[in-house]
Amino acid sequence: NMANFPELYDQLRGPEQGYHIRTETDTEVFRILIKRGISKALKVT
């Protein structure tokens, strides 16, 4: 349950990030945030 789901959803869909979000659920937003974190960590490590 994300209290700040609308802000994160808009941020991820915005032109800067540009994720294609298929649903309007916090679960998908959370999945994308984890994916983004994993991608960043793979590049760093």
PDB file of all heavy atoms in Angstrom:
ATOM      1  N   ASN A   1       0.833  -1.178   0.000  1.00  0.00           N
ATOM      2  CA  ASN A   1       0.000   0.000   0.000  1.00  0.00           C
ATOM      3  C   ASN A   1       0.877   1.240   0.000  1.00  0.00           C
ATOM      4  O   ASN A   1       1.452   1.583   1.018  1.00  0.00           O
ATOM      5  CB  ASN A   1      -0.912   0.008   1.223  1.00  0.00           C
ATOM      6  CG  ASN A   1      -1.831  -1.184   1.256  1.00  0.00           C
ATOM      7  OD1 ASN A   1      -1.548  -2.174   1.906  1.00  0.00           O
ATOM      8  ND2 ASN A   1      -2.927  -1.099   0.530  1.00  0.00           N
ATOM      9  N   MET A   2       0.975   1.882  -1.140  1.00  0.00           N
ATOM     10  CA  MET A   2       1.797   3.080  -1.262  1.00  0.00           C
ATOM     11  C   MET A   2       0.943   4.328  -1.102  1.00  0.00           C
ATOM     12  O   MET A   2       0.058   4.589  -1.906  1.00  0.00           O
ATOM     13  CB  MET A   2       2.448   3.146  -2.644  1.00  0.00           C
ATOM     14  CG  MET A   2       3.544   2.198  -2.883  1.00  0.00           C
ATOM     15  SD  MET A   2       4.233   2.564  -4.524  1.00  0.00           S
ATOM     16  CE  MET A   2       5.343   1.220  -4.677  1.00  0.00           C
ATOM     17  N   ALA A   3       1.243   5.103  -0.076  1.00  0.00           N
ATOM     18  CA  ALA A   3       0.522   6.358   0.121  1.00  0.00           C
ATOM     19  C   ALA A   3       0.901   7.364  -0.959  1.00  0.00           C
ATOM     20  O   ALA A   3       0.085   8.207  -1.341  1.00  0.00           O
ATOM     21  CB  ALA A   3       0.815   6.918   1.502  1.00  0.00           C
ATOM     22  N   ASN A   4       2.128   7.302  -1.455  1.00  0.00           N
ATOM     23  CA  ASN A   4       2.576   8.235  -2.487  1.00  0.00           C
ATOM     24  C   ASN A   4       2.557   7.608  -3.887  1.00  0.00           C
ATOM     25  O   ASN A   4       3.305   8.011  -4.772  1.00  0.00           O
ATOM     26  CB  ASN A   4       3.964   8.785  -2.152  1.00  0.00           C
ATOM     27  CG  ASN A   4       5.038   7.727  -2.077  1.00  0.00           C
ATOM     28  OD1 ASN A   4       4.763   6.548  -1.848  1.00  0.00           O
ATOM     29  ND2 ASN A   4       6.278   8.144  -2.247  1.00  0.00           N
ATOM     30  N   PHE A   5       1.654   6.643  -4.084  1.00  0.00           N
ATOM     31  CA  PHE A   5       1.526   5.980  -5.381  1.00  0.00           C
ATOM     32  C   PHE A   5       1.277   6.961  -6.524  1.00  0.00           C
ATOM     33  O   PHE A   5       1.952   6.872  -7.557  1.00  0.00           O
ATOM     34  CB  PHE A   5       0.417   4.914  -5.331  1.00  0.00           C
ATOM     35  CG  PHE A   5      -0.037   4.457  -6.677  1.00  0.00           C
ATOM     36  CD1 PHE A   5       0.759   3.608  -7.436  1.00  0.00           C
ATOM     37  CD2 PHE A   5      -1.243   4.874  -7.198  1.00  0.00           C
ATOM     38  CE1 PHE A   5       0.349   3.190  -8.688  1.00  0.00           C
ATOM     39  CE2 PHE A   5      -1.661   4.467  -8.448  1.00  0.00           C
ATOM     40  CZ  PHE A   5      -0.857   3.625  -9.199  1.00  0.00           C
ATOM     41  N   PRO A   6       0.333   7.900  -6.410  1.00  0.00           N
ATOM     42  CA  PRO A   6       0.085   8.790  -7.559  1.00  0.00           C
ATOM     43  C   PRO A   6       1.329   9.559  -8.014  1.00  0.00           C
ATOM     44  O   PRO A   6       1.588   9.665  -9.217  1.00  0.00           O
ATOM     45  CB  PRO A   6      -0.993   9.749  -7.051  1.00  0.00           C
ATOM     46  CG  PRO A   6      -1.684   9.005  -5.955  1.00  0.00           C
ATOM     47  CD  PRO A   6      -0.600   8.182  -5.313  1.00  0.00           C
ATOM     48  N   GLU A   7       2.107  10.040  -7.061  1.00  0.00           N
ATOM     49  CA  GLU A   7       3.316  10.789  -7.420  1.00  0.00           C
ATOM     50  C   GLU A   7       4.344   9.885  -8.096  1.00  0.00           C
ATOM     51  O   GLU A   7       4.949  10.267  -9.112  1.00  0.00           O
ATOM     52  CB  GLU A   7       3.942  11.443  -6.179  1.00  0.00           C
ATOM     53  CG  GLU A   7       3.103  12.510  -5.516  1.00  0.00           C
ATOM     54  CD  GLU A   7       2.063  11.958  -4.534  1.00  0.00           C
ATOM     55  OE1 GLU A   7       2.069  10.746  -4.257  1.00  0.00           O
ATOM     56  OE2 GLU A   7       1.232  12.747  -4.055  1.00  0.00           O
ATOM     57  N   LEU A   8       4.560   8.704  -7.534  1.00  0.00           N
ATOM     58  CA  LEU A   8       5.535   7.775  -8.119  1.00  0.00           C
ATOM     59  C   LEU A   8       5.081   7.294  -9.495  1.00  0.00           C
ATOM     60  O   LEU A   8       5.884   7.182 -10.426  1.00  0.00           O
ATOM     61  CB  LEU A   8       5.778   6.592  -7.184  1.00  0.00           C
ATOM     62  CG  LEU A   8       6.504   6.925  -5.884  1.00  0.00           C
ATOM     63  CD1 LEU A   8       6.513   5.707  -4.954  1.00  0.00           C
ATOM     64  CD2 LEU A   8       7.920   7.406  -6.141  1.00  0.00           C
ATOM     65  N   TYR A   9       3.808   7.031  -9.626  1.00  0.00           N
ATOM     66  CA  TYR A   9       3.227   6.595 -10.901  1.00  0.00           C
ATOM     67  C   TYR A   9       3.468   7.657 -11.975  1.00  0.00           C
ATOM     68  O   TYR A   9       3.968   7.350 -13.062  1.00  0.00           O
ATOM     69  CB  TYR A   9       1.732   6.337 -10.703  1.00  0.00           C
ATOM     70  CG  TYR A   9       0.991   5.891 -11.937  1.00  0.00           C
ATOM     71  CD1 TYR A   9       1.020   4.562 -12.346  1.00  0.00           C
ATOM     72  CD2 TYR A   9       0.245   6.794 -12.686  1.00  0.00           C
ATOM     73  CE1 TYR A   9       0.321   4.144 -13.462  1.00  0.00           C
ATOM     74  CE2 TYR A   9      -0.455   6.385 -13.811  1.00  0.00           C
ATOM     75  CZ  TYR A   9      -0.413   5.063 -14.190  1.00  0.00           C
ATOM     76  OH  TYR A   9      -1.104   4.650 -15.315  1.00  0.00           O
ATOM     77  N   ASP A  10       3.135   8.909 -11.662  1.00  0.00           N
ATOM     78  CA  ASP A  10       3.334   9.999 -12.622  1.00  0.00           C
ATOM     79  C   ASP A  10       4.812  10.206 -12.943  1.00  0.00           C
ATOM     80  O   ASP A  10       5.182  10.449 -14.090  1.00  0.00           O
ATOM     81  CB  ASP A  10       2.732  11.304 -12.092  1.00  0.00           C
ATOM     82  CG  ASP A  10       1.209  11.268 -12.069  1.00  0.00           C
ATOM     83  OD1 ASP A  10       0.611  10.417 -12.767  1.00  0.00           O
ATOM     84  OD2 ASP A  10       0.617  12.098 -11.341  1.00  0.00           O
ATOM     85  N   GLN A  11       5.651  10.100 -11.930  1.00  0.00           N
ATOM     86  CA  GLN A  11       7.098  10.270 -12.124  1.00  0.00           C
ATOM     87  C   GLN A  11       7.647   9.196 -13.067  1.00  0.00           C
ATOM     88  O   GLN A  11       8.419   9.494 -13.970  1.00  0.00           O
ATOM     89  CB  GLN A  11       7.806  10.205 -10.778  1.00  0.00           C
ATOM     90  CG  GLN A  11       9.303  10.218 -10.872  1.00  0.00           C
ATOM     91  CD  GLN A  11       9.962   9.877  -9.541  1.00  0.00           C
ATOM     92  OE1 GLN A  11       9.308   9.613  -8.542  1.00  0.00           O
ATOM     93  NE2 GLN A  11      11.278   9.873  -9.546  1.00  0.00           N
ATOM     94  N   LEU A  12       7.248   7.951 -12.856  1.00  0.00           N
ATOM     95  CA  LEU A  12       7.754   6.857 -13.676  1.00  0.00           C
ATOM     96  C   LEU A  12       7.213   6.911 -15.104  1.00  0.00           C
ATOM     97  O   LEU A  12       7.899   6.515 -16.044  1.00  0.00           O
ATOM     98  CB  LEU A  12       7.426   5.505 -13.042  1.00  0.00           C
ATOM     99  CG  LEU A  12       8.165   5.202 -11.740  1.00  0.00           C
ATOM    100  CD1 LEU A  12       7.603   3.955 -11.088  1.00  0.00           C
ATOM    101  CD2 LEU A  12       9.662   5.065 -11.972  1.00  0.00           C
ATOM    102  N   ARG A  13       6.014   7.418 -15.268  1.00  0.00           N
ATOM    103  CA  ARG A  13       5.414   7.520 -16.610  1.00  0.00           C
ATOM    104  C   ARG A  13       5.878   8.763 -17.350  1.00  0.00           C
ATOM    105  O   ARG A  13       5.731   8.847 -18.559  1.00  0.00           O
ATOM    106  CB  ARG A  13       3.897   7.568 -16.501  1.00  0.00           C
ATOM    107  CG  ARG A  13       3.293   6.221 -16.187  1.00  0.00           C
ATOM    108  CD  ARG A  13       1.803   6.239 -16.283  1.00  0.00           C
ATOM    109  NE  ARG A  13       1.378   6.724 -17.582  1.00  0.00           N
ATOM    110  CZ  ARG A  13       0.302   7.456 -17.788  1.00  0.00           C
ATOM    111  NH1 ARG A  13      -0.468   7.818 -16.802  1.00  0.00           N
ATOM    112  NH2 ARG A  13      -0.027   7.852 -19.005  1.00  0.00           N
ATOM    113  N   GLY A  14       6.400   9.719 -16.616  1.00  0.00           N
ATOM    114  CA  GLY A  14       6.782  10.995 -17.216  1.00  0.00           C
ATOM    115  C   GLY A  14       7.877  10.861 -18.260  1.00  0.00           C
ATOM    116  O   GLY A  14       8.508   9.818 -18.396  1.00  0.00           O
ATOM    117  N   PRO A  15       8.128  11.957 -18.996  1.00  0.00           N
ATOM    118  CA  PRO A  15       9.111  11.916 -20.092  1.00  0.00           C
ATOM    119  C   PRO A  15      10.535  11.608 -19.630  1.00  0.00           C
ATOM    120  O   PRO A  15      11.318  11.030 -20.383  1.00  0.00           O
ATOM    121  CB  PRO A  15       9.023  13.324 -20.695  1.00  0.00           C
ATOM    122  CG  PRO A  15       8.375  14.176 -19.661  1.00  0.00           C
ATOM    123  CD  PRO A  15       7.522  13.262 -18.829  1.00  0.00           C
ATOM    124  N   GLU A  16      10.863  11.961 -18.398  1.00  0.00           N
ATOM    125  CA  GLU A  16      12.212  11.727 -17.902  1.00  0.00           C
ATOM    126  C   GLU A  16      12.512  10.235 -17.739  1.00  0.00           C
ATOM    127  O   GLU A  16      13.550   9.740 -18.154  1.00  0.00           O
ATOM    128  CB  GLU A  16      12.403  12.453 -16.568  1.00  0.00           C
ATOM    129  CG  GLU A  16      13.839  12.774 -16.263  1.00  0.00           C
ATOM    130  CD  GLU A  16      13.943  13.663 -15.049  1.00  0.00           C
ATOM    131  OE1 GLU A  16      13.406  14.775 -15.075  1.00  0.00           O
ATOM    132  OE2 GLU A  16      14.550  13.203 -14.065  1.00  0.00           O
ATOM    133  N   GLN A  17      11.592   9.506 -17.114  1.00  0.00           N
ATOM    134  CA  GLN A  17      11.791   8.072 -16.875  1.00  0.00           C
ATOM    135  C   GLN A  17      11.222   7.239 -18.023  1.00  0.00           C
ATOM    136  O   GLN A  17      11.833   6.282 -18.451  1.00  0.00           O
ATOM    137  CB  GLN A  17      11.135   7.657 -15.554  1.00  0.00           C
ATOM    138  CG  GLN A  17      11.649   8.426 -14.370  1.00  0.00           C
ATOM    139  CD  GLN A  17      12.719   7.659 -13.624  1.00  0.00           C
ATOM    140  OE1 GLN A  17      12.987   6.515 -13.896  1.00  0.00           O
ATOM    141  NE2 GLN A  17      13.330   8.326 -12.667  1.00  0.00           N
ATOM    142  N   GLY A  18      10.004   7.551 -18.438  1.00  0.00           N
ATOM    143  CA  GLY A  18       9.400   6.941 -19.611  1.00  0.00           C
ATOM    144  C   GLY A  18       9.063   5.472 -19.545  1.00  0.00           C
ATOM    145  O   GLY A  18       9.091   4.779 -20.554  1.00  0.00           O
ATOM    146  N   TYR A  19       8.721   4.948 -18.363  1.00  0.00           N
ATOM    147  CA  TYR A  19       8.327   3.541 -18.269  1.00  0.00           C
ATOM    148  C   TYR A  19       6.924   3.357 -18.835  1.00  0.00           C
ATOM    149  O   TYR A  19       6.043   4.198 -18.640  1.00  0.00           O
ATOM    150  CB  TYR A  19       8.339   3.059 -16.814  1.00  0.00           C
ATOM    151  CG  TYR A  19       9.726   2.847 -16.275  1.00  0.00           C
ATOM    152  CD1 TYR A  19      10.343   3.821 -15.495  1.00  0.00           C
ATOM    153  CD2 TYR A  19      10.428   1.685 -16.556  1.00  0.00           C
ATOM    154  CE1 TYR A  19      11.621   3.635 -14.995  1.00  0.00           C
ATOM    155  CE2 TYR A  19      11.704   1.484 -16.067  1.00  0.00           C
ATOM    156  CZ  TYR A  19      12.293   2.467 -15.292  1.00  0.00           C
ATOM    157  OH  TYR A  19      13.557   2.272 -14.806  1.00  0.00           O
ATOM    158  N   HIS A  20       6.727   2.255 -19.530  1.00  0.00           N
ATOM    159  CA  HIS A  20       5.394   1.898 -20.016  1.00  0.00           C
ATOM    160  C   HIS A  20       4.718   1.099 -18.898  1.00  0.00           C
ATOM    161  O   HIS A  20       5.057  -0.065 -18.671  1.00  0.00           O
ATOM    162  CB  HIS A  20       5.475   1.068 -21.292  1.00  0.00           C
ATOM    163  CG  HIS A  20       4.140   0.598 -21.767  1.00  0.00           C
ATOM    164  ND1 HIS A  20       3.201   1.455 -22.290  1.00  0.00           N
ATOM    165  CD2 HIS A  20       3.589  -0.626 -21.775  1.00  0.00           C
ATOM    166  CE1 HIS A  20       2.117   0.761 -22.615  1.00  0.00           C
ATOM    167  NE2 HIS A  20       2.332  -0.509 -22.298  1.00  0.00           N
ATOM    168  N   ILE A  21       3.796   1.729 -18.217  1.00  0.00           N
ATOM    169  CA  ILE A  21       3.102   1.078 -17.108  1.00  0.00           C
ATOM    170  C   ILE A  21       1.757   0.593 -17.621  1.00  0.00           C
ATOM    171  O   ILE A  21       0.950   1.377 -18.129  1.00  0.00           O
ATOM    172  CB  ILE A  21       2.944   2.044 -15.910  1.00  0.00           C
ATOM    173  CG1 ILE A  21       4.331   2.530 -15.466  1.00  0.00           C
ATOM    174  CG2 ILE A  21       2.201   1.360 -14.769  1.00  0.00           C
ATOM    175  CD1 ILE A  21       4.297   3.551 -14.349  1.00  0.00           C
ATOM    176  N   ARG A  22       1.535  -0.713 -17.478  1.00  0.00           N
ATOM    177  CA  ARG A  22       0.336  -1.326 -18.053  1.00  0.00           C
ATOM    178  C   ARG A  22      -0.876  -1.272 -17.144  1.00  0.00           C
ATOM    179  O   ARG A  22      -1.991  -1.464 -17.597  1.00  0.00           O
ATOM    180  CB  ARG A  22       0.631  -2.772 -18.425  1.00  0.00           C
ATOM    181  CG  ARG A  22       1.627  -2.861 -19.587  1.00  0.00           C
ATOM    182  CD  ARG A  22       2.030  -4.271 -19.806  1.00  0.00           C
ATOM    183  NE  ARG A  22       3.015  -4.566 -18.756  1.00  0.00           N
ATOM    184  CZ  ARG A  22       3.660  -5.689 -18.619  1.00  0.00           C
ATOM    185  NH1 ARG A  22       3.399  -6.681 -19.396  1.00  0.00           N
ATOM    186  NH2 ARG A  22       4.548  -5.850 -17.674  1.00  0.00           N
ATOM    187  N   THR A  23      -0.656  -1.080 -15.854  1.00  0.00           N
ATOM    188  CA  THR A  23      -1.784  -1.065 -14.919  1.00  0.00           C
ATOM    189  C   THR A  23      -1.716   0.220 -14.099  1.00  0.00           C
ATOM    190  O   THR A  23      -0.784   1.000 -14.239  1.00  0.00           O
ATOM    191  CB  THR A  23      -1.717  -2.265 -13.953  1.00  0.00           C
ATOM    192  OG1 THR A  23      -0.558  -2.118 -13.115  1.00  0.00           O
ATOM    193  CG2 THR A  23      -1.665  -3.582 -14.699  1.00  0.00           C
ATOM    194  N   GLU A  24      -2.676   0.395 -13.265  1.00  0.00           N
ATOM    195  CA  GLU A  24      -2.654   1.525 -12.328  1.00  0.00           C
ATOM    196  C   GLU A  24      -2.603   0.973 -10.908  1.00  0.00           C
ATOM    197  O   GLU A  24      -3.424   1.322 -10.060  1.00  0.00           O
ATOM    198  CB  GLU A  24      -3.877   2.417 -12.542  1.00  0.00           C
ATOM    199  CG  GLU A  24      -3.838   3.141 -13.872  1.00  0.00           C
ATOM    200  CD  GLU A  24      -4.966   4.143 -14.043  1.00  0.00           C
ATOM    201  OE1 GLU A  24      -5.632   4.487 -13.056  1.00  0.00           O
ATOM    202  OE2 GLU A  24      -5.164   4.577 -15.186  1.00  0.00           O
ATOM    203  N   THR A  25      -1.604   0.120 -10.665  1.00  0.00           N
ATOM    204  CA  THR A  25      -1.474  -0.510  -9.348  1.00  0.00           C
ATOM    205  C   THR A  25      -0.133  -0.167  -8.719  1.00  0.00           C
ATOM    206  O   THR A  25       0.864   0.024  -9.421  1.00  0.00           O
ATOM    207  CB  THR A  25      -1.578  -2.046  -9.441  1.00  0.00           C
ATOM    208  OG1 THR A  25      -0.461  -2.541 -10.183  1.00  0.00           O
ATOM    209  CG2 THR A  25      -2.882  -2.482 -10.103  1.00  0.00           C
ATOM    210  N   ASP A  26      -0.141  -0.116  -7.410  1.00  0.00           N
ATOM    211  CA  ASP A  26       1.115   0.146  -6.710  1.00  0.00           C
ATOM    212  C   ASP A  26       2.074  -1.037  -6.840  1.00  0.00           C
ATOM    213  O   ASP A  26       3.282  -0.873  -6.768  1.00  0.00           O
ATOM    214  CB  ASP A  26       0.879   0.530  -5.250  1.00  0.00           C
ATOM    215  CG  ASP A  26       0.100  -0.495  -4.438  1.00  0.00           C
ATOM    216  OD1 ASP A  26      -0.314  -1.533  -4.998  1.00  0.00           O
ATOM    217  OD2 ASP A  26      -0.109  -0.246  -3.248  1.00  0.00           O
ATOM    218  N   THR A  27       1.553  -2.231  -7.089  1.00  0.00           N
ATOM    219  CA  THR A  27       2.404  -3.403  -7.261  1.00  0.00           C
ATOM    220  C   THR A  27       3.311  -3.227  -8.476  1.00  0.00           C
ATOM    221  O   THR A  27       4.512  -3.521  -8.414  1.00  0.00           O
ATOM    222  CB  THR A  27       1.553  -4.683  -7.414  1.00  0.00           C
ATOM    223  OG1 THR A  27       0.729  -4.818  -6.261  1.00  0.00           O
ATOM    224  CG2 THR A  27       2.419  -5.913  -7.574  1.00  0.00           C
ATOM    225  N   GLU A  28       2.766  -2.743  -9.574  1.00  0.00           N
ATOM    226  CA  GLU A  28       3.589  -2.542 -10.766  1.00  0.00           C
ATOM    227  C   GLU A  28       4.611  -1.429 -10.543  1.00  0.00           C
ATOM    228  O   GLU A  28       5.764  -1.536 -10.973  1.00  0.00           O
ATOM    229  CB  GLU A  28       2.736  -2.235 -11.992  1.00  0.00           C
ATOM    230  CG  GLU A  28       3.579  -2.197 -13.249  1.00  0.00           C
ATOM    231  CD  GLU A  28       2.778  -2.097 -14.533  1.00  0.00           C
ATOM    232  OE1 GLU A  28       1.568  -1.812 -14.495  1.00  0.00           O
ATOM    233  OE2 GLU A  28       3.387  -2.297 -15.591  1.00  0.00           O
ATOM    234  N   VAL A  29       4.210  -0.369  -9.875  1.00  0.00           N
ATOM    235  CA  VAL A  29       5.146   0.713  -9.569  1.00  0.00           C
ATOM    236  C   VAL A  29       6.275   0.180  -8.690  1.00  0.00           C
ATOM    237  O   VAL A  29       7.453   0.468  -8.934  1.00  0.00           O
ATOM    238  CB  VAL A  29       4.422   1.907  -8.904  1.00  0.00           C
ATOM    239  CG1 VAL A  29       5.401   2.891  -8.297  1.00  0.00           C
ATOM    240  CG2 VAL A  29       3.527   2.604  -9.916  1.00  0.00           C
ATOM    241  N   PHE A  30       5.937  -0.621  -7.691  1.00  0.00           N
ATOM    242  CA  PHE A  30       6.960  -1.200  -6.814  1.00  0.00           C
ATOM    243  C   PHE A  30       7.908  -2.090  -7.613  1.00  0.00           C
ATOM    244  O   PHE A  30       9.124  -2.042  -7.433  1.00  0.00           O
ATOM    245  CB  PHE A  30       6.297  -1.981  -5.672  1.00  0.00           C
ATOM    246  CG  PHE A  30       7.127  -2.033  -4.431  1.00  0.00           C
ATOM    247  CD1 PHE A  30       7.035  -1.041  -3.481  1.00  0.00           C
ATOM    248  CD2 PHE A  30       8.011  -3.073  -4.216  1.00  0.00           C
ATOM    249  CE1 PHE A  30       7.815  -1.080  -2.326  1.00  0.00           C
ATOM    250  CE2 PHE A  30       8.787  -3.119  -3.074  1.00  0.00           C
ATOM    251  CZ  PHE A  30       8.684  -2.122  -2.130  1.00  0.00           C
ATOM    252  N   ARG A  31       7.357  -2.882  -8.514  1.00  0.00           N
ATOM    253  CA  ARG A  31       8.174  -3.759  -9.370  1.00  0.00           C
ATOM    254  C   ARG A  31       9.157  -2.930 -10.196  1.00  0.00           C
ATOM    255  O   ARG A  31      10.340  -3.276 -10.306  1.00  0.00           O
ATOM    256  CB  ARG A  31       7.285  -4.592 -10.288  1.00  0.00           C
ATOM    257  CG  ARG A  31       8.079  -5.512 -11.210  1.00  0.00           C
ATOM    258  CD  ARG A  31       7.212  -6.138 -12.291  1.00  0.00           C
ATOM    259  NE  ARG A  31       6.572  -5.179 -13.160  1.00  0.00           N
ATOM    260  CZ  ARG A  31       7.163  -4.577 -14.200  1.00  0.00           C
ATOM    261  NH1 ARG A  31       8.422  -4.812 -14.473  1.00  0.00           N
ATOM    262  NH2 ARG A  31       6.497  -3.738 -14.967  1.00  0.00           N
ATOM    263  N   ILE A  32       8.690  -1.836 -10.750  1.00  0.00           N
ATOM    264  CA  ILE A  32       9.561  -0.984 -11.561  1.00  0.00           C
ATOM    265  C   ILE A  32      10.642  -0.347 -10.703  1.00  0.00           C
ATOM    266  O   ILE A  32      11.808  -0.257 -11.114  1.00  0.00           O
ATOM    267  CB  ILE A  32       8.732   0.079 -12.312  1.00  0.00           C
ATOM    268  CG1 ILE A  32       7.886  -0.599 -13.384  1.00  0.00           C
ATOM    269  CG2 ILE A  32       9.631   1.150 -12.921  1.00  0.00           C
ATOM    270  CD1 ILE A  32       6.837   0.293 -14.013  1.00  0.00           C
ATOM    271  N   LEU A  33      10.292   0.084  -9.494  1.00  0.00           N
ATOM    272  CA  LEU A  33      11.288   0.677  -8.601  1.00  0.00           C
ATOM    273  C   LEU A  33      12.377  -0.339  -8.242  1.00  0.00           C
ATOM    274  O   LEU A  33      13.563  -0.002  -8.201  1.00  0.00           O
ATOM    275  CB  LEU A  33      10.625   1.222  -7.335  1.00  0.00           C
ATOM    276  CG  LEU A  33       9.699   2.423  -7.531  1.00  0.00           C
ATOM    277  CD1 LEU A  33       8.968   2.751  -6.240  1.00  0.00           C
ATOM    278  CD2 LEU A  33      10.452   3.628  -8.057  1.00  0.00           C
ATOM    279  N   ILE A  34      11.983  -1.578  -8.002  1.00  0.00           N
ATOM    280  CA  ILE A  34      12.967  -2.627  -7.710  1.00  0.00           C
ATOM    281  C   ILE A  34      13.820  -2.899  -8.941  1.00  0.00           C
ATOM    282  O   ILE A  34      15.045  -2.999  -8.856  1.00  0.00           O
ATOM    283  CB  ILE A  34      12.283  -3.915  -7.210  1.00  0.00           C
ATOM    284  CG1 ILE A  34      11.707  -3.673  -5.815  1.00  0.00           C
ATOM    285  CG2 ILE A  34      13.267  -5.079  -7.187  1.00  0.00           C
ATOM    286  CD1 ILE A  34      10.856  -4.810  -5.302  1.00  0.00           C
ATOM    287  N   LYS A  35      13.183  -3.014 -10.096  1.00  0.00           N
ATOM    288  CA  LYS A  35      13.918  -3.241 -11.345  1.00  0.00           C
ATOM    289  C   LYS A  35      14.925  -2.126 -11.583  1.00  0.00           C
ATOM    290  O   LYS A  35      16.072  -2.383 -11.950  1.00  0.00           O
ATOM    291  CB  LYS A  35      12.942  -3.327 -12.514  1.00  0.00           C
ATOM    292  CG  LYS A  35      13.606  -3.508 -13.861  1.00  0.00           C
ATOM    293  CD  LYS A  35      12.556  -3.422 -14.976  1.00  0.00           C
ATOM    294  CE  LYS A  35      13.160  -3.506 -16.335  1.00  0.00           C
ATOM    295  NZ  LYS A  35      13.970  -2.379 -16.722  1.00  0.00           N
ATOM    296  N   ARG A  36      14.510  -0.900 -11.371  1.00  0.00           N
ATOM    297  CA  ARG A  36      15.406   0.245 -11.555  1.00  0.00           C
ATOM    298  C   ARG A  36      16.591   0.153 -10.590  1.00  0.00           C
ATOM    299  O   ARG A  36      17.736   0.391 -10.968  1.00  0.00           O
ATOM    300  CB  ARG A  36      14.620   1.543 -11.345  1.00  0.00           C
ATOM    301  CG  ARG A  36      15.407   2.791 -11.667  1.00  0.00           C
ATOM    302  CD  ARG A  36      14.577   4.016 -11.507  1.00  0.00           C
ATOM    303  NE  ARG A  36      14.292   4.214 -10.088  1.00  0.00           N
ATOM    304  CZ  ARG A  36      13.524   5.180  -9.614  1.00  0.00           C
ATOM    305  NH1 ARG A  36      12.933   6.018 -10.422  1.00  0.00           N
ATOM    306  NH2 ARG A  36      13.332   5.293  -8.324  1.00  0.00           N
ATOM    307  N   GLY A  37      16.312  -0.225  -9.331  1.00  0.00           N
ATOM    308  CA  GLY A  37      17.375  -0.381  -8.343  1.00  0.00           C
ATOM    309  C   GLY A  37      18.343  -1.493  -8.713  1.00  0.00           C
ATOM    310  O   GLY A  37      19.565  -1.352  -8.581  1.00  0.00           O
ATOM    311  N   ILE A  38      17.818  -2.606  -9.202  1.00  0.00           N
ATOM    312  CA  ILE A  38      18.665  -3.725  -9.618  1.00  0.00           C
ATOM    313  C   ILE A  38      19.528  -3.319 -10.812  1.00  0.00           C
ATOM    314  O   ILE A  38      20.731  -3.592 -10.842  1.00  0.00           O
ATOM    315  CB  ILE A  38      17.811  -4.975  -9.927  1.00  0.00           C
ATOM    316  CG1 ILE A  38      17.236  -5.555  -8.625  1.00  0.00           C
ATOM    317  CG2 ILE A  38      18.624  -6.027 -10.679  1.00  0.00           C
ATOM    318  CD1 ILE A  38      16.227  -6.675  -8.826  1.00  0.00           C
ATOM    319  N   SER A  39      18.929  -2.658 -11.793  1.00  0.00           N
ATOM    320  CA  SER A  39      19.691  -2.214 -12.974  1.00  0.00           C
ATOM    321  C   SER A  39      20.818  -1.279 -12.571  1.00  0.00           C
ATOM    322  O   SER A  39      21.958  -1.412 -13.050  1.00  0.00           O
ATOM    323  CB  SER A  39      18.771  -1.509 -13.973  1.00  0.00           C
ATOM    324  OG  SER A  39      17.826  -2.401 -14.486  1.00  0.00           O
ATOM    325  N   LYS A  40      20.522  -0.351 -11.685  1.00  0.00           N
ATOM    326  CA  LYS A  40      21.536   0.598 -11.202  1.00  0.00           C
ATOM    327  C   LYS A  40      22.659  -0.155 -10.468  1.00  0.00           C
ATOM    328  O   LYS A  40      23.842   0.095 -10.704  1.00  0.00           O
ATOM    329  CB  LYS A  40      20.873   1.615 -10.268  1.00  0.00           C
ATOM    330  CG  LYS A  40      21.802   2.631  -9.678  1.00  0.00           C
ATOM    331  CD  LYS A  40      21.007   3.570  -8.771  1.00  0.00           C
ATOM    332  CE  LYS A  40      21.887   4.419  -7.900  1.00  0.00           C
ATOM    333  NZ  LYS A  40      21.089   5.240  -6.970  1.00  0.00           N
ATOM    334  N   ALA A  41      22.295  -1.088  -9.607  1.00  0.00           N
ATOM    335  CA  ALA A  41      23.289  -1.844  -8.837  1.00  0.00           C
ATOM    336  C   ALA A  41      24.156  -2.706  -9.747  1.00  0.00           C
ATOM    337  O   ALA A  41      25.364  -2.840  -9.522  1.00  0.00           O
ATOM    338  CB  ALA A  41      22.606  -2.704  -7.783  1.00  0.00           C
ATOM    339  N   LEU A  42      23.580  -3.295 -10.781  1.00  0.00           N
ATOM    340  CA  LEU A  42      24.357  -4.110 -11.718  1.00  0.00           C
ATOM    341  C   LEU A  42      25.401  -3.258 -12.442  1.00  0.00           C
ATOM    342  O   LEU A  42      26.534  -3.690 -12.653  1.00  0.00           O
ATOM    343  CB  LEU A  42      23.443  -4.811 -12.730  1.00  0.00           C
ATOM    344  CG  LEU A  42      22.600  -5.958 -12.177  1.00  0.00           C
ATOM    345  CD1 LEU A  42      21.570  -6.408 -13.201  1.00  0.00           C
ATOM    346  CD2 LEU A  42      23.474  -7.120 -11.724  1.00  0.00           C
ATOM    347  N   LYS A  43      25.017  -2.033 -12.788  1.00  0.00           N
ATOM    348  CA  LYS A  43      25.971  -1.121 -13.455  1.00  0.00           C
ATOM    349  C   LYS A  43      27.079  -0.703 -12.496  1.00  0.00           C
ATOM    350  O   LYS A  43      28.243  -0.657 -12.870  1.00  0.00           O
ATOM    351  CB  LYS A  43      25.235   0.110 -13.975  1.00  0.00           C
ATOM    352  CG  LYS A  43      24.398  -0.149 -15.185  1.00  0.00           C
ATOM    353  CD  LYS A  43      23.639   1.091 -15.616  1.00  0.00           C
ATOM    354  CE  LYS A  43      22.649   0.753 -16.701  1.00  0.00           C
ATOM    355  NZ  LYS A  43      21.737   1.849 -16.973  1.00  0.00           N
ATOM    356  N   VAL A  44      26.716  -0.416 -11.243  1.00  0.00           N
ATOM    357  CA  VAL A  44      27.700   0.043 -10.254  1.00  0.00           C
ATOM    358  C   VAL A  44      28.673  -1.073  -9.892  1.00  0.00           C
ATOM    359  O   VAL A  44      29.884  -0.861  -9.844  1.00  0.00           O
ATOM    360  CB  VAL A  44      26.999   0.578  -8.984  1.00  0.00           C
ATOM    361  CG1 VAL A  44      27.983   0.791  -7.848  1.00  0.00           C
ATOM    362  CG2 VAL A  44      26.258   1.862  -9.292  1.00  0.00           C
ATOM    363  N   THR A  45      28.140  -2.268  -9.634  1.00  0.00           N
ATOM    364  CA  THR A  45      29.002  -3.366  -9.187  1.00  0.00           C
ATOM    365  C   THR A  45      29.741  -4.045 -10.337  1.00  0.00           C
ATOM    366  O   THR A  45      30.817  -4.600 -10.137  1.00  0.00           O
ATOM    367  CB  THR A  45      28.197  -4.448  -8.439  1.00  0.00           C
ATOM    368  OG1 THR A  45      27.265  -5.052  -9.343  1.00  0.00           O
ATOM    369  CG2 THR A  45      27.467  -3.871  -7.239  1.00  0.00           C
TER     370      THR A  45
END
